[in-house]
PDB file of N, CA and C in Angstrom:
ATOM      1  N   MET A   1       0.855  -1.137  -0.284  1.00  0.00           N
ATOM      2  CA  MET A   1      -0.076   0.042   0.003  1.00  0.00           C
ATOM      3  C   MET A   1       0.958   1.235  -0.192  1.00  0.00           C
ATOM      4  N   ALA A   2       1.949   1.210   0.617  1.00  0.00           N
ATOM      5  CA  ALA A   2       2.973   2.284   0.797  1.00  0.00           C
ATOM      6  C   ALA A   2       3.376   2.750  -0.838  1.00  0.00           C
ATOM      7  N   ASP A   3       3.621   1.582  -1.351  1.00  0.00           N
ATOM      8  CA  ASP A   3       4.291   1.947  -3.038  1.00  0.00           C
ATOM      9  C   ASP A   3       3.149   2.634  -3.788  1.00  0.00           C
ATOM     10  N   GLU A   4       1.801   2.222  -3.278  1.00  0.00           N
ATOM     11  CA  GLU A   4       0.632   2.904  -4.172  1.00  0.00           C
ATOM     12  C   GLU A   4       0.772   4.168  -4.076  1.00  0.00           C
ATOM     13  N   HIS A   5       0.794   4.601  -2.747  1.00  0.00           N
ATOM     14  CA  HIS A   5       0.602   5.725  -2.011  1.00  0.00           C
ATOM     15  C   HIS A   5       2.068   6.609  -2.711  1.00  0.00           C
ATOM     16  N   GLN A   6       3.217   6.151  -2.923  1.00  0.00           N
ATOM     17  CA  GLN A   6       4.278   6.829  -3.304  1.00  0.00           C
ATOM     18  C   GLN A   6       4.046   6.964  -4.682  1.00  0.00           C
ATOM     19  N   GLU A   7       3.683   5.921  -5.418  1.00  0.00           N
ATOM     20  CA  GLU A   7       3.148   6.241  -7.108  1.00  0.00           C
ATOM     21  C   GLU A   7       2.143   7.357  -7.298  1.00  0.00           C
ATOM     22  N   HIS A   8       1.274   7.502  -6.440  1.00  0.00           N
ATOM     23  CA  HIS A   8       0.600   8.757  -6.605  1.00  0.00           C
ATOM     24  C   HIS A   8       1.023   9.895  -6.303  1.00  0.00           C
ATOM     25  N   GLU A   9       1.815   9.988  -5.446  1.00  0.00           N
ATOM     26  CA  GLU A   9       2.352  11.306  -5.226  1.00  0.00           C
ATOM     27  C   GLU A   9       3.608  11.416  -6.345  1.00  0.00           C
ATOM     28  N   GLN A  10       4.135  10.498  -6.860  1.00  0.00           N
ATOM     29  CA  GLN A  10       5.068  10.839  -8.032  1.00  0.00           C
ATOM     30  C   GLN A  10       4.404  11.473  -9.388  1.00  0.00           C
ATOM     31  N   HIS A  11       3.023  11.110  -9.556  1.00  0.00           N
ATOM     32  CA  HIS A  11       2.681  11.470 -10.929  1.00  0.00           C
ATOM     33  C   HIS A  11       1.509  12.544 -10.363  1.00  0.00           C
ATOM     34  N   HIS A  12       1.332  13.308 -11.647  1.00  0.00           N
ATOM     35  CA  HIS A  12       0.585  14.521 -11.370  1.00  0.00           C
ATOM     36  C   HIS A  12      -0.641  13.863 -11.654  1.00  0.00           C
ATOM     37  N   HIS A  13      -1.701  14.425 -11.109  1.00  0.00           N
ATOM     38  CA  HIS A  13      -3.323  13.723 -10.948  1.00  0.00           C
ATOM     39  C   HIS A  13      -4.209  14.630 -12.093  1.00  0.00           C
ATOM     40  N   GLY A  14      -4.769  13.873 -12.847  1.00  0.00           N
ATOM     41  CA  GLY A  14      -5.729  14.877 -13.874  1.00  0.00           C
ATOM     42  C   GLY A  14      -6.566  15.914 -13.578  1.00  0.00           C
ATOM     43  N   TYR A  15      -6.854  15.891 -12.217  1.00  0.00           N
ATOM     44  CA  TYR A  15      -7.925  16.930 -11.750  1.00  0.00           C
ATOM     45  C   TYR A  15      -6.670  18.313 -11.459  1.00  0.00           C
ATOM     46  N   ILE A  16      -5.334  18.162 -11.696  1.00  0.00           N
ATOM     47  CA  ILE A  16      -4.541  19.373 -11.288  1.00  0.00           C
ATOM     48  C   ILE A  16      -4.690  20.571 -11.835  1.00  0.00           C
ATOM     49  N   HIS A  17      -5.005  20.645 -12.922  1.00  0.00           N
ATOM     50  CA  HIS A  17      -4.965  21.789 -13.878  1.00  0.00           C
ATOM     51  C   HIS A  17      -6.260  22.485 -13.279  1.00  0.00           C
ATOM     52  N   ARG A  18      -7.607  21.939 -12.287  1.00  0.00           N
ATOM     53  CA  ARG A  18      -8.665  22.242 -12.112  1.00  0.00           C
ATOM     54  C   ARG A  18      -8.784  22.268 -10.797  1.00  0.00           C
ATOM     55  N   LYS A  19      -7.697  22.563 -10.143  1.00  0.00           N
ATOM     56  CA  LYS A  19      -7.323  22.342  -8.498  1.00  0.00           C
ATOM     57  C   LYS A  19      -8.021  23.490  -8.065  1.00  0.00           C
ATOM     58  N   ASP A  20      -7.754  24.388  -8.318  1.00  0.00           N
ATOM     59  CA  ASP A  20      -8.354  25.874  -7.889  1.00  0.00           C
ATOM     60  C   ASP A  20     -10.148  25.664  -7.810  1.00  0.00           C
ATOM     61  N   ASP A  21     -10.525  25.239  -9.013  1.00  0.00           N
ATOM     62  CA  ASP A  21     -11.901  24.990  -8.996  1.00  0.00           C
ATOM     63  C   ASP A  21     -12.358  24.311  -7.967  1.00  0.00           C
ATOM     64  N   TYR A  22     -11.921  23.009  -8.180  1.00  0.00           N
ATOM     65  CA  TYR A  22     -12.006  21.869  -7.004  1.00  0.00           C
ATOM     66  C   TYR A  22     -11.963  22.410  -5.717  1.00  0.00           C
ATOM     67  N   LEU A  23     -11.008  23.166  -5.297  1.00  0.00           N
ATOM     68  CA  LEU A  23     -11.167  23.692  -3.831  1.00  0.00           C
ATOM     69  C   LEU A  23     -12.041  24.971  -3.662  1.00  0.00           C
ATOM     70  N   LYS A  24     -12.546  25.757  -4.297  1.00  0.00           N
ATOM     71  CA  LYS A  24     -13.427  26.434  -4.780  1.00  0.00           C
ATOM     72  C   LYS A  24     -14.711  26.026  -4.352  1.00  0.00           C
ATOM     73  N   ARG A  25     -15.266  24.747  -4.972  1.00  0.00           N
ATOM     74  CA  ARG A  25     -16.269  24.061  -4.670  1.00  0.00           C
ATOM     75  C   ARG A  25     -16.425  23.600  -3.530  1.00  0.00           C
ATOM     76  N   LEU A  26     -15.380  22.832  -2.809  1.00  0.00           N
ATOM     77  CA  LEU A  26     -15.134  22.119  -1.755  1.00  0.00           C
ATOM     78  C   LEU A  26     -15.536  23.317  -0.494  1.00  0.00           C
ATOM     79  N   ARG A  27     -14.755  24.715  -0.550  1.00  0.00           N
ATOM     80  CA  ARG A  27     -15.107  25.472   0.252  1.00  0.00           C
ATOM     81  C   ARG A  27     -16.093  25.991   0.510  1.00  0.00           C
ATOM     82  N   ARG A  28     -17.190  26.007  -0.781  1.00  0.00           N
ATOM     83  CA  ARG A  28     -18.539  26.465  -0.855  1.00  0.00           C
ATOM     84  C   ARG A  28     -19.354  25.122  -0.205  1.00  0.00           C
ATOM     85  N   ILE A  29     -19.054  24.160  -0.181  1.00  0.00           N
ATOM     86  CA  ILE A  29     -19.666  22.906   0.398  1.00  0.00           C
ATOM     87  C   ILE A  29     -19.358  23.222   1.838  1.00  0.00           C
ATOM     88  N   GLU A  30     -18.306  23.152   2.312  1.00  0.00           N
ATOM     89  CA  GLU A  30     -18.153  23.544   3.730  1.00  0.00           C
ATOM     90  C   GLU A  30     -18.686  24.617   4.267  1.00  0.00           C
ATOM     91  N   GLY A  31     -19.013  25.708   3.470  1.00  0.00           N
ATOM     92  CA  GLY A  31     -19.803  26.730   4.099  1.00  0.00           C
ATOM     93  C   GLY A  31     -21.294  26.126   4.353  1.00  0.00           C
ATOM     94  N   GLN A  32     -21.767  25.461   3.306  1.00  0.00           N
ATOM     95  CA  GLN A  32     -23.289  24.913   3.405  1.00  0.00           C
ATOM     96  C   GLN A  32     -23.231  24.107   4.598  1.00  0.00           C
ATOM     97  N   ALA A  33     -22.070  23.420   4.766  1.00  0.00           N
ATOM     98  CA  ALA A  33     -22.455  22.152   5.998  1.00  0.00           C
ATOM     99  C   ALA A  33     -22.248  23.115   7.374  1.00  0.00           C
ATOM    100  N   ARG A  34     -21.776  24.169   7.255  1.00  0.00           N
ATOM    101  CA  ARG A  34     -21.687  25.463   8.578  1.00  0.00           C
ATOM    102  C   ARG A  34     -23.171  25.717   8.450  1.00  0.00           C
ATOM    103  N   GLY A  35     -23.701  26.252   7.193  1.00  0.00           N
ATOM    104  CA  GLY A  35     -24.968  26.468   7.313  1.00  0.00           C
ATOM    105  C   GLY A  35     -26.198  25.575   7.799  1.00  0.00           C
ATOM    106  N   LEU A  36     -26.036  24.668   7.325  1.00  0.00           N
ATOM    107  CA  LEU A  36     -26.776  23.057   8.029  1.00  0.00           C
ATOM    108  C   LEU A  36     -26.641  23.251   9.504  1.00  0.00           C
ATOM    109  N   GLN A  37     -25.323  23.202  10.067  1.00  0.00           N
ATOM    110  CA  GLN A  37     -25.176  23.355  11.480  1.00  0.00           C
ATOM    111  C   GLN A  37     -25.867  24.436  12.162  1.00  0.00           C
ATOM    112  N   LYS A  38     -25.872  25.488  11.591  1.00  0.00           N
ATOM    113  CA  LYS A  38     -26.311  26.758  12.026  1.00  0.00           C
ATOM    114  C   LYS A  38     -28.325  26.453  11.818  1.00  0.00           C
ATOM    115  N   MET A  39     -28.653  26.082  11.127  1.00  0.00           N
ATOM    116  CA  MET A  39     -30.138  25.771  10.706  1.00  0.00           C
ATOM    117  C   MET A  39     -30.718  24.827  11.877  1.00  0.00           C
ATOM    118  N   VAL A  40     -30.009  23.646  12.261  1.00  0.00           N
ATOM    119  CA  VAL A  40     -30.392  22.759  12.882  1.00  0.00           C
ATOM    120  C   VAL A  40     -30.160  23.589  14.692  1.00  0.00           C
ATOM    121  N   GLU A  41     -29.104  24.326  14.879  1.00  0.00           N
ATOM    122  CA  GLU A  41     -29.005  25.152  16.091  1.00  0.00           C
ATOM    123  C   GLU A  41     -30.253  26.029  16.521  1.00  0.00           C
ATOM    124  N   GLU A  42     -30.628  26.714  15.303  1.00  0.00           N
ATOM    125  CA  GLU A  42     -31.649  27.447  15.309  1.00  0.00           C
ATOM    126  C   GLU A  42     -32.978  26.942  14.989  1.00  0.00           C
ATOM    127  N   GLU A  43     -32.927  25.488  15.258  1.00  0.00           N
ATOM    128  CA  GLU A  43     -34.421  24.947  15.024  1.00  0.00           C
ATOM    129  C   GLU A  43     -35.203  25.306  13.966  1.00  0.00           C
ATOM    130  N   LYS A  44     -34.539  25.414  12.541  1.00  0.00           N
ATOM    131  CA  LYS A  44     -35.293  25.594  11.424  1.00  0.00           C
ATOM    132  C   LYS A  44     -36.332  24.636  10.919  1.00  0.00           C
ATOM    133  N   TYR A  45     -37.137  25.035  10.042  1.00  0.00           N
ATOM    134  CA  TYR A  45     -38.103  23.848   9.665  1.00  0.00           C
ATOM    135  C   TYR A  45     -37.418  22.867   9.024  1.00  0.00           C
ATOM    136  N   CYS A  46     -38.018  21.616   9.179  1.00  0.00           N
ATOM    137  CA  CYS A  46     -37.278  20.440   8.901  1.00  0.00           C
ATOM    138  C   CYS A  46     -37.163  20.281   7.384  1.00  0.00           C
ATOM    139  N   ILE A  47     -38.299  20.677   6.286  1.00  0.00           N
ATOM    140  CA  ILE A  47     -38.234  20.777   5.210  1.00  0.00           C
ATOM    141  C   ILE A  47     -37.098  21.614   4.635  1.00  0.00           C
ATOM    142  N   ASP A  48     -37.002  23.003   5.148  1.00  0.00           N
ATOM    143  CA  ASP A  48     -35.823  23.665   4.709  1.00  0.00           C
ATOM    144  C   ASP A  48     -34.314  23.179   4.960  1.00  0.00           C
ATOM    145  N   ILE A  49     -34.127  22.405   6.242  1.00  0.00           N
ATOM    146  CA  ILE A  49     -33.052  22.174   6.133  1.00  0.00           C
ATOM    147  C   ILE A  49     -32.865  20.956   5.099  1.00  0.00           C
ATOM    148  N   LEU A  50     -33.705  20.248   4.716  1.00  0.00           N
ATOM    149  CA  LEU A  50     -33.663  19.128   4.194  1.00  0.00           C
ATOM    150  C   LEU A  50     -33.423  19.574   2.607  1.00  0.00           C
ATOM    151  N   THR A  51     -33.999  20.722   2.325  1.00  0.00           N
ATOM    152  CA  THR A  51     -33.335  21.440   1.161  1.00  0.00           C
ATOM    153  C   THR A  51     -32.226  21.534   0.888  1.00  0.00           C
ATOM    154  N   GLN A  52     -31.606  21.875   1.889  1.00  0.00           N
ATOM    155  CA  GLN A  52     -30.400  22.362   2.076  1.00  0.00           C
ATOM    156  C   GLN A  52     -29.218  21.075   1.853  1.00  0.00           C
ATOM    157  N   VAL A  53     -29.449  19.896   2.571  1.00  0.00           N
ATOM    158  CA  VAL A  53     -28.986  18.895   2.710  1.00  0.00           C
ATOM    159  C   VAL A  53     -29.063  18.439   1.238  1.00  0.00           C
ATOM    160  N   SER A  54     -30.181  18.604   0.089  1.00  0.00           N
ATOM    161  CA  SER A  54     -30.074  17.878  -0.957  1.00  0.00           C
ATOM    162  C   SER A  54     -29.373  18.859  -1.817  1.00  0.00           C
ATOM    163  N   ALA A  55     -28.959  20.110  -1.629  1.00  0.00           N
ATOM    164  CA  ALA A  55     -28.092  21.297  -2.387  1.00  0.00           C
ATOM    165  C   ALA A  55     -26.865  20.543  -2.415  1.00  0.00           C
ATOM    166  N   MET A  56     -26.298  20.333  -0.911  1.00  0.00           N
ATOM    167  CA  MET A  56     -25.218  19.777  -0.808  1.00  0.00           C
ATOM    168  C   MET A  56     -24.960  18.303  -1.183  1.00  0.00           C
ATOM    169  N   THR A  57     -25.465  17.745  -1.318  1.00  0.00           N
ATOM    170  CA  THR A  57     -25.503  16.336  -1.589  1.00  0.00           C
ATOM    171  C   THR A  57     -25.125  16.482  -3.353  1.00  0.00           C
ATOM    172  N   LYS A  58     -26.110  17.295  -3.851  1.00  0.00           N
ATOM    173  CA  LYS A  58     -25.864  17.542  -5.269  1.00  0.00           C
ATOM    174  C   LYS A  58     -24.345  18.245  -5.660  1.00  0.00           C
ATOM    175  N   ALA A  59     -23.913  19.190  -4.885  1.00  0.00           N
ATOM    176  CA  ALA A  59     -22.777  19.880  -4.701  1.00  0.00           C
ATOM    177  C   ALA A  59     -21.656  18.969  -4.945  1.00  0.00           C
ATOM    178  N   LEU A  60     -21.813  17.917  -3.770  1.00  0.00           N
ATOM    179  CA  LEU A  60     -20.559  16.762  -3.541  1.00  0.00           C
ATOM    180  C   LEU A  60     -20.648  15.885  -4.894  1.00  0.00           C
ATOM    181  N   GLN A  61     -21.857  15.295  -5.347  1.00  0.00           N
ATOM    182  CA  GLN A  61     -21.966  14.490  -6.452  1.00  0.00           C
ATOM    183  C   GLN A  61     -21.251  15.281  -7.931  1.00  0.00           C
ATOM    184  N   ALA A  62     -21.726  16.707  -7.988  1.00  0.00           N
ATOM    185  CA  ALA A  62     -21.021  17.105  -8.993  1.00  0.00           C
ATOM    186  C   ALA A  62     -18.963  17.445  -8.999  1.00  0.00           C
ATOM    187  N   VAL A  63     -18.917  17.626  -7.805  1.00  0.00           N
ATOM    188  CA  VAL A  63     -17.252  17.407  -7.508  1.00  0.00           C
ATOM    189  C   VAL A  63     -16.800  15.705  -7.685  1.00  0.00           C
ATOM    190  N   SER A  64     -17.743  14.891  -7.004  1.00  0.00           N
ATOM    191  CA  SER A  64     -17.343  13.369  -7.468  1.00  0.00           C
ATOM    192  C   SER A  64     -17.085  13.346  -8.989  1.00  0.00           C
ATOM    193  N   LEU A  65     -18.114  13.696  -9.612  1.00  0.00           N
ATOM    194  CA  LEU A  65     -18.164  13.328 -11.278  1.00  0.00           C
ATOM    195  C   LEU A  65     -17.210  13.806 -11.760  1.00  0.00           C
ATOM    196  N   GLY A  66     -16.845  15.252 -11.518  1.00  0.00           N
ATOM    197  CA  GLY A  66     -15.652  15.978 -11.980  1.00  0.00           C
ATOM    198  C   GLY A  66     -14.560  15.157 -11.939  1.00  0.00           C
ATOM    199  N   LEU A  67     -14.182  14.795 -10.723  1.00  0.00           N
ATOM    200  CA  LEU A  67     -13.036  14.128 -10.331  1.00  0.00           C
ATOM    201  C   LEU A  67     -12.944  12.700 -11.246  1.00  0.00           C
ATOM    202  N   LEU A  68     -13.991  11.882 -11.075  1.00  0.00           N
ATOM    203  CA  LEU A  68     -14.053  10.694 -11.791  1.00  0.00           C
ATOM    204  C   LEU A  68     -13.779  10.924 -13.166  1.00  0.00           C
ATOM    205  N   GLU A  69     -14.351  12.261 -13.746  1.00  0.00           N
ATOM    206  CA  GLU A  69     -14.114  12.419 -15.574  1.00  0.00           C
ATOM    207  C   GLU A  69     -12.688  12.530 -15.547  1.00  0.00           C
ATOM    208  N   GLU A  70     -12.225  13.411 -14.634  1.00  0.00           N
ATOM    209  CA  GLU A  70     -10.673  13.733 -14.629  1.00  0.00           C
ATOM    210  C   GLU A  70      -9.553  12.308 -14.506  1.00  0.00           C
ATOM    211  N   HIS A  71     -10.069  11.651 -13.910  1.00  0.00           N
ATOM    212  CA  HIS A  71      -9.687  10.255 -13.385  1.00  0.00           C
ATOM    213  C   HIS A  71      -9.385   9.032 -14.793  1.00  0.00           C
ATOM    214  N   MET A  72     -10.609   9.136 -15.351  1.00  0.00           N
ATOM    215  CA  MET A  72     -10.837   8.546 -16.527  1.00  0.00           C
ATOM    216  C   MET A  72     -10.075   9.061 -17.741  1.00  0.00           C
ATOM    217  N   SER A  73     -10.371  10.281 -18.070  1.00  0.00           N
ATOM    218  CA  SER A  73      -9.553  10.681 -19.237  1.00  0.00           C
ATOM    219  C   SER A  73      -8.200  11.215 -19.004  1.00  0.00           C
ATOM    220  N   HIS A  74      -7.700  10.994 -17.706  1.00  0.00           N
ATOM    221  CA  HIS A  74      -6.197  11.211 -17.433  1.00  0.00           C
ATOM    222  C   HIS A  74      -5.538   9.948 -16.913  1.00  0.00           C
ATOM    223  N   CYS A  75      -5.842   9.761 -15.883  1.00  0.00           N
ATOM    224  CA  CYS A  75      -4.981   8.487 -15.091  1.00  0.00           C
ATOM    225  C   CYS A  75      -5.118   7.431 -15.693  1.00  0.00           C
ATOM    226  N   VAL A  76      -6.298   6.802 -16.123  1.00  0.00           N
ATOM    227  CA  VAL A  76      -6.934   5.591 -16.573  1.00  0.00           C
ATOM    228  C   VAL A  76      -6.206   5.453 -18.206  1.00  0.00           C
ATOM    229  N   ILE A  77      -5.976   6.689 -18.929  1.00  0.00           N
ATOM    230  CA  ILE A  77      -5.653   6.542 -20.148  1.00  0.00           C
ATOM    231  C   ILE A  77      -4.045   6.626 -20.120  1.00  0.00           C
ATOM    232  N   ASP A  78      -3.488   7.335 -19.295  1.00  0.00           N
ATOM    233  CA  ASP A  78      -2.131   7.140 -19.104  1.00  0.00           C
ATOM    234  C   ASP A  78      -1.647   6.064 -18.868  1.00  0.00           C
ATOM    235  N   ALA A  79      -2.237   5.146 -17.904  1.00  0.00           N
ATOM    236  CA  ALA A  79      -1.908   4.010 -17.606  1.00  0.00           C
ATOM    237  C   ALA A  79      -2.059   2.820 -18.418  1.00  0.00           C
ATOM    238  N   ALA A  80      -3.009   3.088 -19.247  1.00  0.00           N
ATOM    239  CA  ALA A  80      -3.273   2.056 -20.817  1.00  0.00           C
ATOM    240  C   ALA A  80      -2.327   2.251 -21.530  1.00  0.00           C
ATOM    241  N   ARG A  81      -1.608   3.496 -21.636  1.00  0.00           N
ATOM    242  CA  ARG A  81      -0.630   3.431 -22.585  1.00  0.00           C
ATOM    243  C   ARG A  81       0.599   2.944 -22.007  1.00  0.00           C
ATOM    244  N   GLN A  82       0.932   2.778 -20.954  1.00  0.00           N
ATOM    245  CA  GLN A  82       1.771   2.173 -20.378  1.00  0.00           C
ATOM    246  C   GLN A  82       1.995   0.635 -20.277  1.00  0.00           C
ATOM    247  N   SER A  83       0.813   0.151 -20.359  1.00  0.00           N
ATOM    248  CA  SER A  83       0.688  -1.332 -20.157  1.00  0.00           C
ATOM    249  C   SER A  83      -0.833  -1.762 -20.230  1.00  0.00           C
ATOM    250  N   ASP A  84      -1.345  -2.930 -20.602  1.00  0.00           N
ATOM    251  CA  ASP A  84      -2.561  -3.369 -20.452  1.00  0.00           C
ATOM    252  C   ASP A  84      -2.976  -3.578 -19.015  1.00  0.00           C
ATOM    253  N   GLU A  85      -1.823  -4.084 -18.483  1.00  0.00           N
ATOM    254  CA  GLU A  85      -2.222  -4.715 -16.828  1.00  0.00           C
ATOM    255  C   GLU A  85      -2.205  -3.159 -16.300  1.00  0.00           C
ATOM    256  N   ALA A  86      -1.620  -1.946 -16.292  1.00  0.00           N
ATOM    257  CA  ALA A  86      -1.784  -1.025 -15.515  1.00  0.00           C
ATOM    258  C   ALA A  86      -2.989  -0.336 -15.887  1.00  0.00           C
ATOM    259  N   GLY A  87      -3.702  -0.139 -17.302  1.00  0.00           N
ATOM    260  CA  GLY A  87      -4.705   0.239 -17.564  1.00  0.00           C
ATOM    261  C   GLY A  87      -5.832  -0.474 -16.885  1.00  0.00           C
ATOM    262  N   GLN A  88      -5.586  -1.867 -17.041  1.00  0.00           N
ATOM    263  CA  GLN A  88      -6.635  -2.547 -16.075  1.00  0.00           C
ATOM    264  C   GLN A  88      -6.943  -2.263 -14.708  1.00  0.00           C
ATOM    265  N   GLU A  89      -5.988  -2.323 -14.095  1.00  0.00           N
ATOM    266  CA  GLU A  89      -5.896  -1.903 -12.687  1.00  0.00           C
ATOM    267  C   GLU A  89      -6.457  -0.501 -12.533  1.00  0.00           C
ATOM    268  N   LYS A  90      -6.076   0.792 -13.298  1.00  0.00           N
ATOM    269  CA  LYS A  90      -6.973   1.829 -13.060  1.00  0.00           C
ATOM    270  C   LYS A  90      -8.297   1.618 -13.405  1.00  0.00           C
ATOM    271  N   VAL A  91      -8.549   1.064 -14.547  1.00  0.00           N
ATOM    272  CA  VAL A  91     -10.354   0.686 -14.668  1.00  0.00           C
ATOM    273  C   VAL A  91     -11.060   0.101 -13.401  1.00  0.00           C
ATOM    274  N   LYS A  92     -10.310  -0.914 -12.655  1.00  0.00           N
ATOM    275  CA  LYS A  92     -10.711  -1.711 -11.738  1.00  0.00           C
ATOM    276  C   LYS A  92     -10.592  -0.562 -10.700  1.00  0.00           C
ATOM    277  N   GLU A  93      -9.795   0.120 -10.651  1.00  0.00           N
ATOM    278  CA  GLU A  93      -9.913   1.454  -9.282  1.00  0.00           C
ATOM    279  C   GLU A  93     -11.003   1.889  -9.569  1.00  0.00           C
ATOM    280  N   ALA A  94     -11.425   2.643 -10.704  1.00  0.00           N
ATOM    281  CA  ALA A  94     -12.446   3.555 -11.179  1.00  0.00           C
ATOM    282  C   ALA A  94     -13.648   2.813 -11.114  1.00  0.00           C
ATOM    283  N   THR A  95     -13.634   1.656 -11.610  1.00  0.00           N
ATOM    284  CA  THR A  95     -15.262   0.711 -11.198  1.00  0.00           C
ATOM    285  C   THR A  95     -15.459   0.690  -9.738  1.00  0.00           C
ATOM    286  N   GLU A  96     -14.452   0.554  -8.783  1.00  0.00           N
ATOM    287  CA  GLU A  96     -14.561   0.299  -7.365  1.00  0.00           C
ATOM    288  C   GLU A  96     -14.861   1.645  -6.804  1.00  0.00           C
ATOM    289  N   ALA A  97     -14.345   2.679  -7.225  1.00  0.00           N
ATOM    290  CA  ALA A  97     -14.863   4.133  -6.899  1.00  0.00           C
ATOM    291  C   ALA A  97     -16.434   4.467  -7.404  1.00  0.00           C
ATOM    292  N   ILE A  98     -16.864   4.230  -8.487  1.00  0.00           N
ATOM    293  CA  ILE A  98     -17.964   4.147  -9.149  1.00  0.00           C
ATOM    294  C   ILE A  98     -19.090   3.506  -7.833  1.00  0.00           C
ATOM    295  N   ALA A  99     -18.642   2.285  -7.761  1.00  0.00           N
ATOM    296  CA  ALA A  99     -19.566   1.546  -6.729  1.00  0.00           C
ATOM    297  C   ALA A  99     -19.782   2.203  -5.533  1.00  0.00           C
ATOM    298  N   ARG A 100     -18.834   2.646  -5.113  1.00  0.00           N
ATOM    299  CA  ARG A 100     -18.778   3.299  -3.530  1.00  0.00           C
ATOM    300  C   ARG A 100     -19.801   4.368  -3.626  1.00  0.00           C
ATOM    301  N   LEU A 101     -19.534   5.178  -5.187  1.00  0.00           N
ATOM    302  CA  LEU A 101     -20.303   6.449  -5.029  1.00  0.00           C
ATOM    303  C   LEU A 101     -21.713   6.114  -5.386  1.00  0.00           C
ATOM    304  N   VAL A 102     -22.077   5.047  -6.084  1.00  0.00           N
ATOM    305  CA  VAL A 102     -23.529   4.848  -6.396  1.00  0.00           C
ATOM    306  C   VAL A 102     -24.252   4.113  -5.083  1.00  0.00           C
ATOM    307  N   ARG A 103     -23.333   3.497  -3.991  1.00  0.00           N
ATOM    308  CA  ARG A 103     -23.886   2.704  -2.764  1.00  0.00           C
ATOM    309  C   ARG A 103     -24.210   4.116  -1.902  1.00  0.00           C
ATOM    310  N   SER A 104     -23.366   5.273  -2.078  1.00  0.00           N
ATOM    311  CA  SER A 104     -23.642   6.471  -1.046  1.00  0.00           C
ATOM    312  C   SER A 104     -24.758   7.250  -1.060  1.00  0.00           C
TER     313      SER A 104
END
């Protein structure tokens, strides 16, 4: 597992050219989470809280789909160019990530 982590650190990830965009989105989501906490603290109406949870969930899904697209178009393709085995490993990794997203 340590070798895999080192491998990830040595290569630039596909999302790196949009890193600032992802950070901006994640900071906005962080603000949404704080807003949700405040709504609960202030005992706001349940449906209003659920509406905000839905918005936050959609925002997280958008980040996830963007990262997945970047992974497929950069990491998977680059690995496939190296070897069939490396490509298959990245496809398996992506498939497992998709399965986790679908279950969540």
